[in-house]
């Protein structure tokens, strides 16, 4: 999974998770990426700093020679640099992100527990229910971006079922 920082045409920043860079490009081109604040689908990737892992501990600092012309040492320990303090432990995930993931997981579990999985037949089954050919019921399944767009254009309400990076590992 790739996490992008995105910005809409009105300057609202938000994050989006995508299976790949190509997945983002396809969804953005199809108008499926929208600002959660204003609903704009004119969205672009914002500049991001790379997530680089920091070392757990620093190498020991050696005793450096005194610069030329400096005062002589007062004691043998005067030019020794104190040992670095151990780094403080940072939470793996900030609390708002932890809460959001818990909410996404709860929504996903509720849908999979209470709705019928119709798999790749989702577009056809959604149409059959919309046009009254079968009894309406909660369903979920798979649809390509173009199939989802076609359903929306027909007036059929659909929404993506969110997934988390852990779901794909």
C-alpha atoms as a PDB file:
ATOM      1  CA  UNK A   1       0.000   0.000   0.000  1.00  0.00           C
ATOM      2  CA  UNK A   2       1.115   3.532  -0.729  1.00  0.00           C
ATOM      3  CA  UNK A   3       0.008   6.514   1.335  1.00  0.00           C
ATOM      4  CA  UNK A   4      -0.144   9.826  -0.515  1.00  0.00           C
ATOM      5  CA  UNK A   5      -0.716  13.281   0.863  1.00  0.00           C
ATOM      6  CA  UNK A   6      -3.261  14.826  -1.500  1.00  0.00           C
ATOM      7  CA  UNK A   7      -4.547  18.352  -2.037  1.00  0.00           C
ATOM      8  CA  UNK A   8      -7.718  19.469  -3.808  1.00  0.00           C
ATOM      9  CA  UNK A   9      -8.188  22.514  -6.018  1.00  0.00           C
ATOM     10  CA  UNK A  10      -9.373  24.466  -2.943  1.00  0.00           C
ATOM     11  CA  UNK A  11      -6.196  23.719  -0.978  1.00  0.00           C
ATOM     12  CA  UNK A  12      -7.588  21.095   1.415  1.00  0.00           C
ATOM     13  CA  UNK A  13      -4.920  18.551   2.441  1.00  0.00           C
ATOM     14  CA  UNK A  14      -5.827  14.924   3.146  1.00  0.00           C
ATOM     15  CA  UNK A  15      -4.334  11.444   2.874  1.00  0.00           C
ATOM     16  CA  UNK A  16      -5.214   8.570   0.598  1.00  0.00           C
ATOM     17  CA  UNK A  17      -4.125   4.932   0.605  1.00  0.00           C
ATOM     18  CA  UNK A  18      -3.686   3.120  -2.710  1.00  0.00           C
ATOM     19  CA  UNK A  19      -2.556  -0.350  -3.766  1.00  0.00           C
ATOM     20  CA  UNK A  20       0.003   1.165  -6.158  1.00  0.00           C
ATOM     21  CA  UNK A  21       0.968   4.362  -7.915  1.00  0.00           C
ATOM     22  CA  UNK A  22      -0.963   3.149 -10.961  1.00  0.00           C
ATOM     23  CA  UNK A  23      -4.034   2.522  -8.811  1.00  0.00           C
ATOM     24  CA  UNK A  24      -3.968   6.158  -7.659  1.00  0.00           C
ATOM     25  CA  UNK A  25      -3.567   7.356 -11.266  1.00  0.00           C
ATOM     26  CA  UNK A  26      -6.509   5.230 -12.464  1.00  0.00           C
ATOM     27  CA  UNK A  27      -8.794   6.311  -9.615  1.00  0.00           C
ATOM     28  CA  UNK A  28      -7.874  10.000  -9.934  1.00  0.00           C
ATOM     29  CA  UNK A  29      -8.387   9.923 -13.722  1.00  0.00           C
ATOM     30  CA  UNK A  30     -11.813   8.267 -13.213  1.00  0.00           C
ATOM     31  CA  UNK A  31     -12.862  10.853 -10.622  1.00  0.00           C
ATOM     32  CA  UNK A  32     -12.986   8.399  -7.712  1.00  0.00           C
ATOM     33  CA  UNK A  33     -10.512  10.353  -5.574  1.00  0.00           C
ATOM     34  CA  UNK A  34     -12.346  13.210  -3.930  1.00  0.00           C
ATOM     35  CA  UNK A  35     -11.677  15.704  -1.165  1.00  0.00           C
ATOM     36  CA  UNK A  36     -13.406  14.609   2.060  1.00  0.00           C
ATOM     37  CA  UNK A  37     -13.909  18.258   3.002  1.00  0.00           C
ATOM     38  CA  UNK A  38     -15.459  19.804  -0.129  1.00  0.00           C
ATOM     39  CA  UNK A  39     -16.053  16.814  -2.421  1.00  0.00           C
ATOM     40  CA  UNK A  40     -13.881  18.158  -5.265  1.00  0.00           C
ATOM     41  CA  UNK A  41     -12.481  15.500  -7.596  1.00  0.00           C
ATOM     42  CA  UNK A  42      -9.756  17.844  -8.879  1.00  0.00           C
ATOM     43  CA  UNK A  43      -7.075  16.325  -6.667  1.00  0.00           C
ATOM     44  CA  UNK A  44      -3.289  16.129  -6.990  1.00  0.00           C
ATOM     45  CA  UNK A  45      -0.465  14.590  -5.005  1.00  0.00           C
ATOM     46  CA  UNK A  46       1.137  17.056  -2.595  1.00  0.00           C
ATOM     47  CA  UNK A  47       4.854  17.227  -1.912  1.00  0.00           C
ATOM     48  CA  UNK A  48       5.835  14.678   0.729  1.00  0.00           C
ATOM     49  CA  UNK A  49       9.023  13.991   2.603  1.00  0.00           C
ATOM     50  CA  UNK A  50      10.153  10.389   2.332  1.00  0.00           C
ATOM     51  CA  UNK A  51       9.609   8.119   5.319  1.00  0.00           C
ATOM     52  CA  UNK A  52      13.160   7.136   6.222  1.00  0.00           C
ATOM     53  CA  UNK A  53      13.800   4.882   9.186  1.00  0.00           C
ATOM     54  CA  UNK A  54      16.056   6.426  11.819  1.00  0.00           C
ATOM     55  CA  UNK A  55      18.747   4.374  13.534  1.00  0.00           C
ATOM     56  CA  UNK A  56      17.847   3.111  16.985  1.00  0.00           C
ATOM     57  CA  UNK A  57      21.109   4.223  18.557  1.00  0.00           C
ATOM     58  CA  UNK A  58      23.988   6.460  17.545  1.00  0.00           C
ATOM     59  CA  UNK A  59      27.590   5.218  17.356  1.00  0.00           C
ATOM     60  CA  UNK A  60      29.776   6.245  20.324  1.00  0.00           C
ATOM     61  CA  UNK A  61      31.401   9.661  20.062  1.00  0.00           C
ATOM     62  CA  UNK A  62      35.182   9.491  20.155  1.00  0.00           C
ATOM     63  CA  UNK A  63      37.492  11.933  21.910  1.00  0.00           C
ATOM     64  CA  UNK A  64      38.409  14.677  19.436  1.00  0.00           C
ATOM     65  CA  UNK A  65      41.760  16.484  19.487  1.00  0.00           C
ATOM     66  CA  UNK A  66      41.682  20.081  20.693  1.00  0.00           C
ATOM     67  CA  UNK A  67      41.843  22.717  17.937  1.00  0.00           C
ATOM     68  CA  UNK A  68      45.236  24.373  17.393  1.00  0.00           C
ATOM     69  CA  UNK A  69      45.733  27.388  19.687  1.00  0.00           C
ATOM     70  CA  UNK A  70      43.089  26.328  22.207  1.00  0.00           C
ATOM     71  CA  UNK A  71      43.582  26.354  25.964  1.00  0.00           C
ATOM     72  CA  UNK A  72      45.029  23.208  27.537  1.00  0.00           C
ATOM     73  CA  UNK A  73      42.592  20.722  29.095  1.00  0.00           C
ATOM     74  CA  UNK A  74      41.709  21.265  32.741  1.00  0.00           C
ATOM     75  CA  UNK A  75      41.340  17.531  33.308  1.00  0.00           C
ATOM     76  CA  UNK A  76      41.587  14.333  31.301  1.00  0.00           C
ATOM     77  CA  UNK A  77      37.786  14.186  30.924  1.00  0.00           C
ATOM     78  CA  UNK A  78      37.268  17.792  29.784  1.00  0.00           C
ATOM     79  CA  UNK A  79      37.195  17.102  26.040  1.00  0.00           C
ATOM     80  CA  UNK A  80      35.142  13.917  26.243  1.00  0.00           C
ATOM     81  CA  UNK A  81      31.688  14.372  24.785  1.00  0.00           C
ATOM     82  CA  UNK A  82      28.981  12.941  27.048  1.00  0.00           C
ATOM     83  CA  UNK A  83      27.274   9.781  25.856  1.00  0.00           C
ATOM     84  CA  UNK A  84      24.090  10.432  23.928  1.00  0.00           C
ATOM     85  CA  UNK A  85      20.850   9.911  25.754  1.00  0.00           C
ATOM     86  CA  UNK A  86      18.826   7.004  24.434  1.00  0.00           C
ATOM     87  CA  UNK A  87      16.113   8.057  22.008  1.00  0.00           C
ATOM     88  CA  UNK A  88      12.632   8.339  23.413  1.00  0.00           C
ATOM     89  CA  UNK A  89      10.247   5.757  22.115  1.00  0.00           C
ATOM     90  CA  UNK A  90       7.772   7.152  19.623  1.00  0.00           C
ATOM     91  CA  UNK A  91       4.372   5.590  19.154  1.00  0.00           C
ATOM     92  CA  UNK A  92       4.204   3.509  16.007  1.00  0.00           C
ATOM     93  CA  UNK A  93       0.960   5.216  15.077  1.00  0.00           C
ATOM     94  CA  UNK A  94      -0.592   8.488  16.267  1.00  0.00           C
ATOM     95  CA  UNK A  95      -3.851   8.180  18.195  1.00  0.00           C
ATOM     96  CA  UNK A  96      -6.051   9.793  15.489  1.00  0.00           C
ATOM     97  CA  UNK A  97      -4.699   7.312  12.912  1.00  0.00           C
ATOM     98  CA  UNK A  98      -5.230   4.424  15.346  1.00  0.00           C
ATOM     99  CA  UNK A  99      -8.855   5.540  15.867  1.00  0.00           C
ATOM    100  CA  UNK A 100      -9.437   5.939  12.127  1.00  0.00           C
ATOM    101  CA  UNK A 101      -8.067   2.461  11.442  1.00  0.00           C
ATOM    102  CA  UNK A 102     -10.288   1.004  14.164  1.00  0.00           C
ATOM    103  CA  UNK A 103     -13.317   2.720  12.620  1.00  0.00           C
ATOM    104  CA  UNK A 104     -12.437   1.504   9.100  1.00  0.00           C
ATOM    105  CA  UNK A 105     -11.945  -2.023  10.446  1.00  0.00           C
ATOM    106  CA  UNK A 106     -15.315  -1.873  12.284  1.00  0.00           C
ATOM    107  CA  UNK A 107     -17.138  -0.673   9.140  1.00  0.00           C
ATOM    108  CA  UNK A 108     -15.525  -3.400   7.045  1.00  0.00           C
ATOM    109  CA  UNK A 109     -16.369  -6.096   9.617  1.00  0.00           C
ATOM    110  CA  UNK A 110     -19.996  -4.877   9.867  1.00  0.00           C
ATOM    111  CA  UNK A 111     -20.474  -4.962   6.106  1.00  0.00           C
ATOM    112  CA  UNK A 112     -18.884  -8.391   5.661  1.00  0.00           C
ATOM    113  CA  UNK A 113     -20.932  -9.751   8.587  1.00  0.00           C
ATOM    114  CA  UNK A 114     -24.328  -8.329   7.553  1.00  0.00           C
ATOM    115  CA  UNK A 115     -24.215  -8.231   3.728  1.00  0.00           C
ATOM    116  CA  UNK A 116     -23.973 -10.897   1.037  1.00  0.00           C
ATOM    117  CA  UNK A 117     -20.661 -11.227  -0.819  1.00  0.00           C
ATOM    118  CA  UNK A 118     -21.578 -11.445  -4.507  1.00  0.00           C
ATOM    119  CA  UNK A 119     -17.961 -11.228  -5.713  1.00  0.00           C
ATOM    120  CA  UNK A 120     -17.442 -10.255  -9.366  1.00  0.00           C
ATOM    121  CA  UNK A 121     -21.215 -10.360  -9.895  1.00  0.00           C
ATOM    122  CA  UNK A 122     -21.579  -7.106  -7.930  1.00  0.00           C
ATOM    123  CA  UNK A 123     -22.384  -4.774 -10.876  1.00  0.00           C
ATOM    124  CA  UNK A 124     -24.986  -7.146 -12.316  1.00  0.00           C
ATOM    125  CA  UNK A 125     -26.588  -7.894  -8.922  1.00  0.00           C
ATOM    126  CA  UNK A 126     -26.697  -4.183  -7.999  1.00  0.00           C
ATOM    127  CA  UNK A 127     -28.489  -3.447 -11.291  1.00  0.00           C
ATOM    128  CA  UNK A 128     -30.965  -6.292 -10.806  1.00  0.00           C
ATOM    129  CA  UNK A 129     -31.865  -4.942  -7.340  1.00  0.00           C
ATOM    130  CA  UNK A 130     -32.038  -1.332  -8.580  1.00  0.00           C
ATOM    131  CA  UNK A 131     -34.427  -2.231 -11.388  1.00  0.00           C
ATOM    132  CA  UNK A 132     -36.609  -4.429  -9.137  1.00  0.00           C
ATOM    133  CA  UNK A 133     -35.714  -7.763 -10.752  1.00  0.00           C
ATOM    134  CA  UNK A 134     -34.721  -9.222  -7.354  1.00  0.00           C
ATOM    135  CA  UNK A 135     -35.430  -8.275  -3.748  1.00  0.00           C
ATOM    136  CA  UNK A 136     -33.157  -5.520  -2.507  1.00  0.00           C
ATOM    137  CA  UNK A 137     -30.652  -6.549   0.169  1.00  0.00           C
ATOM    138  CA  UNK A 138     -27.244  -5.429   1.410  1.00  0.00           C
ATOM    139  CA  UNK A 139     -24.474  -6.740  -0.848  1.00  0.00           C
ATOM    140  CA  UNK A 140     -20.777  -6.221  -1.418  1.00  0.00           C
ATOM    141  CA  UNK A 141     -18.360  -7.478  -4.015  1.00  0.00           C
ATOM    142  CA  UNK A 142     -15.911  -6.395  -6.681  1.00  0.00           C
ATOM    143  CA  UNK A 143     -16.244  -3.806  -9.427  1.00  0.00           C
ATOM    144  CA  UNK A 144     -13.665  -2.114 -11.618  1.00  0.00           C
ATOM    145  CA  UNK A 145     -13.498   1.697 -11.563  1.00  0.00           C
ATOM    146  CA  UNK A 146     -15.296   1.834 -14.920  1.00  0.00           C
ATOM    147  CA  UNK A 147     -18.042  -0.533 -13.689  1.00  0.00           C
ATOM    148  CA  UNK A 148     -18.501   1.543 -10.517  1.00  0.00           C
ATOM    149  CA  UNK A 149     -18.695   4.764 -12.553  1.00  0.00           C
ATOM    150  CA  UNK A 150     -21.328   3.202 -14.834  1.00  0.00           C
ATOM    151  CA  UNK A 151     -23.410   2.166 -11.806  1.00  0.00           C
ATOM    152  CA  UNK A 152     -23.205   5.695 -10.380  1.00  0.00           C
ATOM    153  CA  UNK A 153     -24.193   7.203 -13.747  1.00  0.00           C
ATOM    154  CA  UNK A 154     -27.267   4.923 -13.743  1.00  0.00           C
ATOM    155  CA  UNK A 155     -28.254   6.328 -10.346  1.00  0.00           C
ATOM    156  CA  UNK A 156     -27.241   3.237  -8.381  1.00  0.00           C
ATOM    157  CA  UNK A 157     -25.675   4.076  -5.025  1.00  0.00           C
ATOM    158  CA  UNK A 158     -22.325   2.347  -4.522  1.00  0.00           C
ATOM    159  CA  UNK A 159     -19.382   3.055  -2.248  1.00  0.00           C
ATOM    160  CA  UNK A 160     -15.938   1.475  -1.938  1.00  0.00           C
ATOM    161  CA  UNK A 161     -15.368  -0.803   1.022  1.00  0.00           C
ATOM    162  CA  UNK A 162     -12.216   0.592   2.666  1.00  0.00           C
ATOM    163  CA  UNK A 163      -9.247  -1.646   3.344  1.00  0.00           C
ATOM    164  CA  UNK A 164      -6.198  -1.150   5.522  1.00  0.00           C
ATOM    165  CA  UNK A 165      -2.559  -1.867   4.667  1.00  0.00           C
ATOM    166  CA  UNK A 166      -2.594  -4.758   7.156  1.00  0.00           C
ATOM    167  CA  UNK A 167      -5.482  -6.372   5.255  1.00  0.00           C
ATOM    168  CA  UNK A 168      -3.248  -6.903   2.235  1.00  0.00           C
ATOM    169  CA  UNK A 169      -0.251  -8.405   4.064  1.00  0.00           C
END
